[in-house]
Amino acid sequence: DTPAGVYVYQNTFVAGDTSPGGPVSNAHLRNNLFLGTGAKRPVYQIDTYTNYSTSDYNGFDTNGGSDNFAWNSPPDGTAADYDYTHKLTVRRFPDLKAYAAATGQDRHSVTVDYKIFVNVPKPDRSDPQRLYNPEDMDFRLRPHSAAIDAGMELPTITDGYAGKAPDLGAYEFGQAIPDYGPREMP
């Protein structure tokens, strides 16, 4: 919690809210997917002690309601870093367009929903204790989804992407799914 110098690149987040936790400093988010569950709170909230934290080229679902985005930071024009003793300026927005216009963040980002995936149903908020089997989910992108070619090149991270630009989220369309965890050595 409260890290400084954070890079959040090329991830897929499915949660009620997708804030990274406590306040961060010097955080930079690119090529991520943030999908909500319908909770009446921001699907994306950043609390940052620095006005040079950035977010762009991401894909966002919404949670419904009127406060889908929150960017809480020092007052505009504050060059120095804040710390826990200072109150952050709270900014909340109903949609991506209003959030991007007011903060200058996520100007190249897009709106998405669960239909971008091959098989990932929206979590059922009426059954919060339900456990989902990861093997039943397929987070690969569907052809022609808004997340394809919507990212930016990130050297050493998006190398080998297919198409005009990298895709958003953890998996590049048309590429083999990475092999995670232990594996046998040849």
C-alpha atoms as a PDB file:
ATOM      1  CA  ASP A   1       0.000   0.000   0.000  1.00  0.00           C
ATOM      2  CA  THR A   2       1.074   3.585  -0.785  1.00  0.00           C
ATOM      3  CA  PRO A   3       3.880   2.661  -3.224  1.00  0.00           C
ATOM      4  CA  ALA A   4       5.911   5.145  -5.253  1.00  0.00           C
ATOM      5  CA  GLY A   5       7.071   4.606  -8.826  1.00  0.00           C
ATOM      6  CA  VAL A   6       4.437   2.116 -10.017  1.00  0.00           C
ATOM      7  CA  TYR A   7       3.959   0.851 -13.567  1.00  0.00           C
ATOM      8  CA  VAL A   8       0.713  -1.027 -14.250  1.00  0.00           C
ATOM      9  CA  TYR A   9       0.930  -2.330 -17.812  1.00  0.00           C
ATOM     10  CA  GLN A  10      -1.046  -4.854 -19.865  1.00  0.00           C
ATOM     11  CA  ASN A  11      -3.381  -6.302 -17.198  1.00  0.00           C
ATOM     12  CA  THR A  12      -6.990  -7.454 -17.069  1.00  0.00           C
ATOM     13  CA  PHE A  13      -8.883  -6.522 -13.890  1.00  0.00           C
ATOM     14  CA  VAL A  14     -12.380  -7.783 -13.093  1.00  0.00           C
ATOM     15  CA  ALA A  15     -13.605  -6.432  -9.776  1.00  0.00           C
ATOM     16  CA  GLY A  16     -16.215  -4.275  -8.100  1.00  0.00           C
ATOM     17  CA  ASP A  17     -13.785  -1.416  -8.113  1.00  0.00           C
ATOM     18  CA  THR A  18     -10.353  -1.575  -9.637  1.00  0.00           C
ATOM     19  CA  SER A  19      -8.450   0.983  -7.650  1.00  0.00           C
ATOM     20  CA  PRO A  20      -4.905  -0.171  -6.912  1.00  0.00           C
ATOM     21  CA  GLY A  21      -5.359   0.132  -3.139  1.00  0.00           C
ATOM     22  CA  GLY A  22      -4.091   3.025  -1.061  1.00  0.00           C
ATOM     23  CA  PRO A  23      -2.704   6.250  -2.463  1.00  0.00           C
ATOM     24  CA  VAL A  24       0.171   5.910  -4.923  1.00  0.00           C
ATOM     25  CA  SER A  25       2.825   8.315  -6.145  1.00  0.00           C
ATOM     26  CA  ASN A  26       4.309   8.521  -9.614  1.00  0.00           C
ATOM     27  CA  ALA A  27       2.011   5.784 -10.965  1.00  0.00           C
ATOM     28  CA  HIS A  28       1.606   5.103 -14.686  1.00  0.00           C
ATOM     29  CA  LEU A  29      -1.110   2.855 -16.126  1.00  0.00           C
ATOM     30  CA  ARG A  30      -1.197   1.708 -19.787  1.00  0.00           C
ATOM     31  CA  ASN A  31      -2.927  -0.946 -21.933  1.00  0.00           C
ATOM     32  CA  ASN A  32      -5.065  -2.329 -19.100  1.00  0.00           C
ATOM     33  CA  LEU A  33      -8.666  -3.531 -19.031  1.00  0.00           C
ATOM     34  CA  PHE A  34     -10.829  -2.562 -16.044  1.00  0.00           C
ATOM     35  CA  LEU A  35     -14.233  -4.266 -15.847  1.00  0.00           C
ATOM     36  CA  GLY A  36     -16.740  -3.664 -13.088  1.00  0.00           C
ATOM     37  CA  THR A  37     -19.316  -5.878 -11.447  1.00  0.00           C
ATOM     38  CA  GLY A  38     -22.167  -3.411 -11.187  1.00  0.00           C
ATOM     39  CA  ALA A  39     -21.320  -2.099  -7.709  1.00  0.00           C
ATOM     40  CA  LYS A  40     -22.458   1.494  -7.231  1.00  0.00           C
ATOM     41  CA  ARG A  41     -18.936   2.854  -6.808  1.00  0.00           C
ATOM     42  CA  PRO A  42     -16.193   3.913  -9.202  1.00  0.00           C
ATOM     43  CA  VAL A  43     -14.933   1.161 -11.490  1.00  0.00           C
ATOM     44  CA  TYR A  44     -11.665   3.113 -11.668  1.00  0.00           C
ATOM     45  CA  GLN A  45     -10.291   5.221  -8.855  1.00  0.00           C
ATOM     46  CA  ILE A  46      -6.785   6.553  -8.438  1.00  0.00           C
ATOM     47  CA  ASP A  47      -5.653   8.307  -5.283  1.00  0.00           C
ATOM     48  CA  THR A  48      -2.253   9.824  -6.002  1.00  0.00           C
ATOM     49  CA  TYR A  49       0.039  12.095  -4.002  1.00  0.00           C
ATOM     50  CA  THR A  50       1.652  13.357  -7.233  1.00  0.00           C
ATOM     51  CA  ASN A  51       0.242  15.374 -10.115  1.00  0.00           C
ATOM     52  CA  TYR A  52       2.577  13.557 -12.486  1.00  0.00           C
ATOM     53  CA  SER A  53       0.875  10.161 -12.185  1.00  0.00           C
ATOM     54  CA  THR A  54      -0.640   9.207 -15.546  1.00  0.00           C
ATOM     55  CA  SER A  55      -3.191   6.860 -17.085  1.00  0.00           C
ATOM     56  CA  ASP A  56      -3.939   6.312 -20.788  1.00  0.00           C
ATOM     57  CA  TYR A  57      -4.636   3.684 -23.471  1.00  0.00           C
ATOM     58  CA  ASN A  58      -6.854   1.614 -21.184  1.00  0.00           C
ATOM     59  CA  GLY A  59     -10.285   0.006 -21.600  1.00  0.00           C
ATOM     60  CA  PHE A  60     -13.066   0.603 -19.076  1.00  0.00           C
ATOM     61  CA  ASP A  61     -16.395  -1.008 -18.337  1.00  0.00           C
ATOM     62  CA  THR A  62     -18.681   0.901 -15.972  1.00  0.00           C
ATOM     63  CA  ASN A  63     -20.411  -0.023 -12.751  1.00  0.00           C
ATOM     64  CA  GLY A  64     -23.519   2.006 -13.506  1.00  0.00           C
ATOM     65  CA  GLY A  65     -24.422   4.867 -11.233  1.00  0.00           C
ATOM     66  CA  SER A  66     -23.091   8.385 -11.524  1.00  0.00           C
ATOM     67  CA  ASP A  67     -19.529   8.017 -10.219  1.00  0.00           C
ATOM     68  CA  ASN A  68     -17.715   5.555 -12.488  1.00  0.00           C
ATOM     69  CA  PHE A  69     -14.351   7.335 -12.435  1.00  0.00           C
ATOM     70  CA  ALA A  70     -12.419   9.050  -9.640  1.00  0.00           C
ATOM     71  CA  TRP A  71      -9.071  10.821  -9.888  1.00  0.00           C
ATOM     72  CA  ASN A  72      -8.068  12.122  -6.466  1.00  0.00           C
ATOM     73  CA  SER A  73      -4.825  14.093  -6.384  1.00  0.00           C
ATOM     74  CA  PRO A  74      -3.214  17.263  -5.024  1.00  0.00           C
ATOM     75  CA  PRO A  75      -4.918  20.511  -6.089  1.00  0.00           C
ATOM     76  CA  ASP A  76      -4.187  21.612  -9.667  1.00  0.00           C
ATOM     77  CA  GLY A  77      -0.939  23.534  -9.958  1.00  0.00           C
ATOM     78  CA  THR A  78       0.690  21.820  -6.962  1.00  0.00           C
ATOM     79  CA  ALA A  79       4.157  20.828  -8.091  1.00  0.00           C
ATOM     80  CA  ALA A  80       5.441  19.361  -4.835  1.00  0.00           C
ATOM     81  CA  ASP A  81       4.575  15.862  -3.697  1.00  0.00           C
ATOM     82  CA  TYR A  82       1.915  15.461  -1.057  1.00  0.00           C
ATOM     83  CA  ASP A  83       1.944  13.053   1.829  1.00  0.00           C
ATOM     84  CA  TYR A  84      -0.648  11.474   4.084  1.00  0.00           C
ATOM     85  CA  THR A  85      -1.060  14.702   6.085  1.00  0.00           C
ATOM     86  CA  HIS A  86      -2.593  16.563   3.131  1.00  0.00           C
ATOM     87  CA  LYS A  87      -6.134  16.076   1.828  1.00  0.00           C
ATOM     88  CA  LEU A  88      -6.408  15.094  -1.817  1.00  0.00           C
ATOM     89  CA  THR A  89      -8.791  16.941  -4.126  1.00  0.00           C
ATOM     90  CA  VAL A  90     -11.627  14.501  -4.829  1.00  0.00           C
ATOM     91  CA  ARG A  91     -12.826  14.398  -8.441  1.00  0.00           C
ATOM     92  CA  ARG A  92     -15.623  12.039  -9.569  1.00  0.00           C
ATOM     93  CA  PHE A  93     -17.076  11.588 -13.038  1.00  0.00           C
ATOM     94  CA  PRO A  94     -20.016   9.694 -14.577  1.00  0.00           C
ATOM     95  CA  ASP A  95     -18.246   8.521 -17.720  1.00  0.00           C
ATOM     96  CA  LEU A  96     -14.924   8.221 -19.532  1.00  0.00           C
ATOM     97  CA  LYS A  97     -15.505  11.333 -21.650  1.00  0.00           C
ATOM     98  CA  ALA A  98     -16.121  13.643 -18.659  1.00  0.00           C
ATOM     99  CA  TYR A  99     -13.227  12.120 -16.698  1.00  0.00           C
ATOM    100  CA  ALA A 100     -10.761  12.508 -19.603  1.00  0.00           C
ATOM    101  CA  ALA A 101     -11.865  16.086 -20.340  1.00  0.00           C
ATOM    102  CA  ALA A 102     -11.531  17.219 -16.719  1.00  0.00           C
ATOM    103  CA  THR A 103      -8.288  15.445 -15.780  1.00  0.00           C
ATOM    104  CA  GLY A 104      -6.398  15.058 -19.065  1.00  0.00           C
ATOM    105  CA  GLN A 105      -6.042  11.344 -18.236  1.00  0.00           C
ATOM    106  CA  ASP A 106      -7.119   8.439 -20.458  1.00  0.00           C
ATOM    107  CA  ARG A 107      -7.710  10.565 -23.556  1.00  0.00           C
ATOM    108  CA  HIS A 108      -6.913   7.573 -25.800  1.00  0.00           C
ATOM    109  CA  SER A 109      -8.808   5.037 -23.692  1.00  0.00           C
ATOM    110  CA  VAL A 110     -11.972   3.227 -24.781  1.00  0.00           C
ATOM    111  CA  THR A 111     -15.192   1.943 -23.276  1.00  0.00           C
ATOM    112  CA  VAL A 112     -15.564  -1.852 -23.225  1.00  0.00           C
ATOM    113  CA  ASP A 113     -17.838  -4.484 -21.690  1.00  0.00           C
ATOM    114  CA  TYR A 114     -17.705  -8.228 -21.023  1.00  0.00           C
ATOM    115  CA  LYS A 115     -18.597  -8.983 -24.647  1.00  0.00           C
ATOM    116  CA  ILE A 116     -14.952  -8.309 -25.619  1.00  0.00           C
ATOM    117  CA  PHE A 117     -13.973 -11.696 -24.145  1.00  0.00           C
ATOM    118  CA  VAL A 118     -14.502 -15.129 -25.648  1.00  0.00           C
ATOM    119  CA  ASN A 119     -16.189 -16.363 -22.445  1.00  0.00           C
ATOM    120  CA  VAL A 120     -16.179 -14.231 -19.299  1.00  0.00           C
ATOM    121  CA  PRO A 121     -19.608 -13.635 -17.784  1.00  0.00           C
ATOM    122  CA  LYS A 122     -20.147 -10.578 -15.634  1.00  0.00           C
ATOM    123  CA  PRO A 123     -19.944 -11.666 -11.964  1.00  0.00           C
ATOM    124  CA  ASP A 124     -23.313 -12.086 -10.270  1.00  0.00           C
ATOM    125  CA  ARG A 125     -23.534  -9.431  -7.543  1.00  0.00           C
ATOM    126  CA  SER A 126     -26.619 -11.091  -6.052  1.00  0.00           C
ATOM    127  CA  ASP A 127     -24.444 -14.102  -5.114  1.00  0.00           C
ATOM    128  CA  PRO A 128     -21.256 -12.587  -3.599  1.00  0.00           C
ATOM    129  CA  GLN A 129     -20.079 -15.893  -2.111  1.00  0.00           C
ATOM    130  CA  ARG A 130     -20.091 -17.716  -5.432  1.00  0.00           C
ATOM    131  CA  LEU A 131     -16.719 -19.057  -6.456  1.00  0.00           C
ATOM    132  CA  TYR A 132     -15.890 -19.043 -10.149  1.00  0.00           C
ATOM    133  CA  ASN A 133     -13.787 -21.766 -11.738  1.00  0.00           C
ATOM    134  CA  PRO A 134     -10.958 -20.087 -13.692  1.00  0.00           C
ATOM    135  CA  GLU A 135     -10.917 -22.963 -16.179  1.00  0.00           C
ATOM    136  CA  ASP A 136     -14.461 -22.020 -17.213  1.00  0.00           C
ATOM    137  CA  MET A 137     -13.300 -18.537 -18.248  1.00  0.00           C
ATOM    138  CA  ASP A 138     -11.683 -17.532 -21.520  1.00  0.00           C
ATOM    139  CA  PHE A 139     -10.145 -14.058 -21.323  1.00  0.00           C
ATOM    140  CA  ARG A 140      -8.955 -14.059 -24.927  1.00  0.00           C
ATOM    141  CA  LEU A 141     -10.356 -11.166 -26.948  1.00  0.00           C
ATOM    142  CA  ARG A 142     -13.123 -11.686 -29.486  1.00  0.00           C
ATOM    143  CA  PRO A 143     -12.399 -10.628 -33.073  1.00  0.00           C
ATOM    144  CA  HIS A 144     -13.212  -6.966 -33.760  1.00  0.00           C
ATOM    145  CA  SER A 145     -13.588  -6.049 -30.074  1.00  0.00           C
ATOM    146  CA  ALA A 146     -12.864  -2.472 -28.974  1.00  0.00           C
ATOM    147  CA  ALA A 147      -9.770  -3.696 -27.067  1.00  0.00           C
ATOM    148  CA  ILE A 148      -7.965  -4.900 -30.208  1.00  0.00           C
ATOM    149  CA  ASP A 149      -5.275  -2.500 -31.490  1.00  0.00           C
ATOM    150  CA  ALA A 150      -6.316   0.077 -28.852  1.00  0.00           C
ATOM    151  CA  GLY A 151      -3.076   0.078 -26.846  1.00  0.00           C
ATOM    152  CA  MET A 152       0.257   1.788 -27.200  1.00  0.00           C
ATOM    153  CA  GLU A 153       3.638   0.220 -27.829  1.00  0.00           C
ATOM    154  CA  LEU A 154       5.531  -0.490 -24.613  1.00  0.00           C
ATOM    155  CA  PRO A 155       9.086  -1.596 -25.456  1.00  0.00           C
ATOM    156  CA  THR A 156      10.001  -5.030 -24.020  1.00  0.00           C
ATOM    157  CA  ILE A 157       6.376  -5.550 -22.895  1.00  0.00           C
ATOM    158  CA  THR A 158       4.340  -5.457 -26.109  1.00  0.00           C
ATOM    159  CA  ASP A 159       7.064  -6.799 -28.407  1.00  0.00           C
ATOM    160  CA  GLY A 160       5.602  -9.096 -31.036  1.00  0.00           C
ATOM    161  CA  TYR A 161       2.094  -7.687 -31.062  1.00  0.00           C
ATOM    162  CA  ALA A 162      -0.095  -8.370 -34.082  1.00  0.00           C
ATOM    163  CA  GLY A 163      -2.027  -5.625 -35.869  1.00  0.00           C
ATOM    164  CA  LYS A 164      -1.673  -1.841 -35.960  1.00  0.00           C
ATOM    165  CA  ALA A 165      -1.022  -1.496 -32.217  1.00  0.00           C
ATOM    166  CA  PRO A 166      -0.914  -3.682 -29.110  1.00  0.00           C
ATOM    167  CA  ASP A 167      -4.207  -4.915 -27.700  1.00  0.00           C
ATOM    168  CA  LEU A 168      -5.505  -3.997 -24.249  1.00  0.00           C
ATOM    169  CA  GLY A 169      -5.419  -6.487 -21.417  1.00  0.00           C
ATOM    170  CA  ALA A 170      -3.376  -9.535 -20.597  1.00  0.00           C
ATOM    171  CA  TYR A 171      -3.757 -11.421 -23.899  1.00  0.00           C
ATOM    172  CA  GLU A 172      -2.858 -10.299 -27.414  1.00  0.00           C
ATOM    173  CA  PHE A 173      -5.475 -11.381 -29.974  1.00  0.00           C
ATOM    174  CA  GLY A 174      -4.316 -14.304 -32.116  1.00  0.00           C
ATOM    175  CA  GLN A 175      -1.284 -15.075 -29.947  1.00  0.00           C
ATOM    176  CA  ALA A 176      -0.786 -18.215 -27.857  1.00  0.00           C
ATOM    177  CA  ILE A 177      -1.833 -17.834 -24.229  1.00  0.00           C
ATOM    178  CA  PRO A 178       1.250 -17.575 -21.995  1.00  0.00           C
ATOM    179  CA  ASP A 179       2.173 -20.674 -19.967  1.00  0.00           C
ATOM    180  CA  TYR A 180       2.070 -19.674 -16.306  1.00  0.00           C
ATOM    181  CA  GLY A 181       3.463 -21.554 -13.318  1.00  0.00           C
ATOM    182  CA  PRO A 182       5.829 -24.540 -13.100  1.00  0.00           C
ATOM    183  CA  ARG A 183       6.674 -26.423 -16.253  1.00  0.00           C
ATOM    184  CA  GLU A 184       8.992 -29.266 -17.162  1.00  0.00           C
ATOM    185  CA  MET A 185      12.445 -28.410 -18.430  1.00  0.00           C
ATOM    186  CA  PRO A 186      13.528 -30.032 -21.705  1.00  0.00           C
END
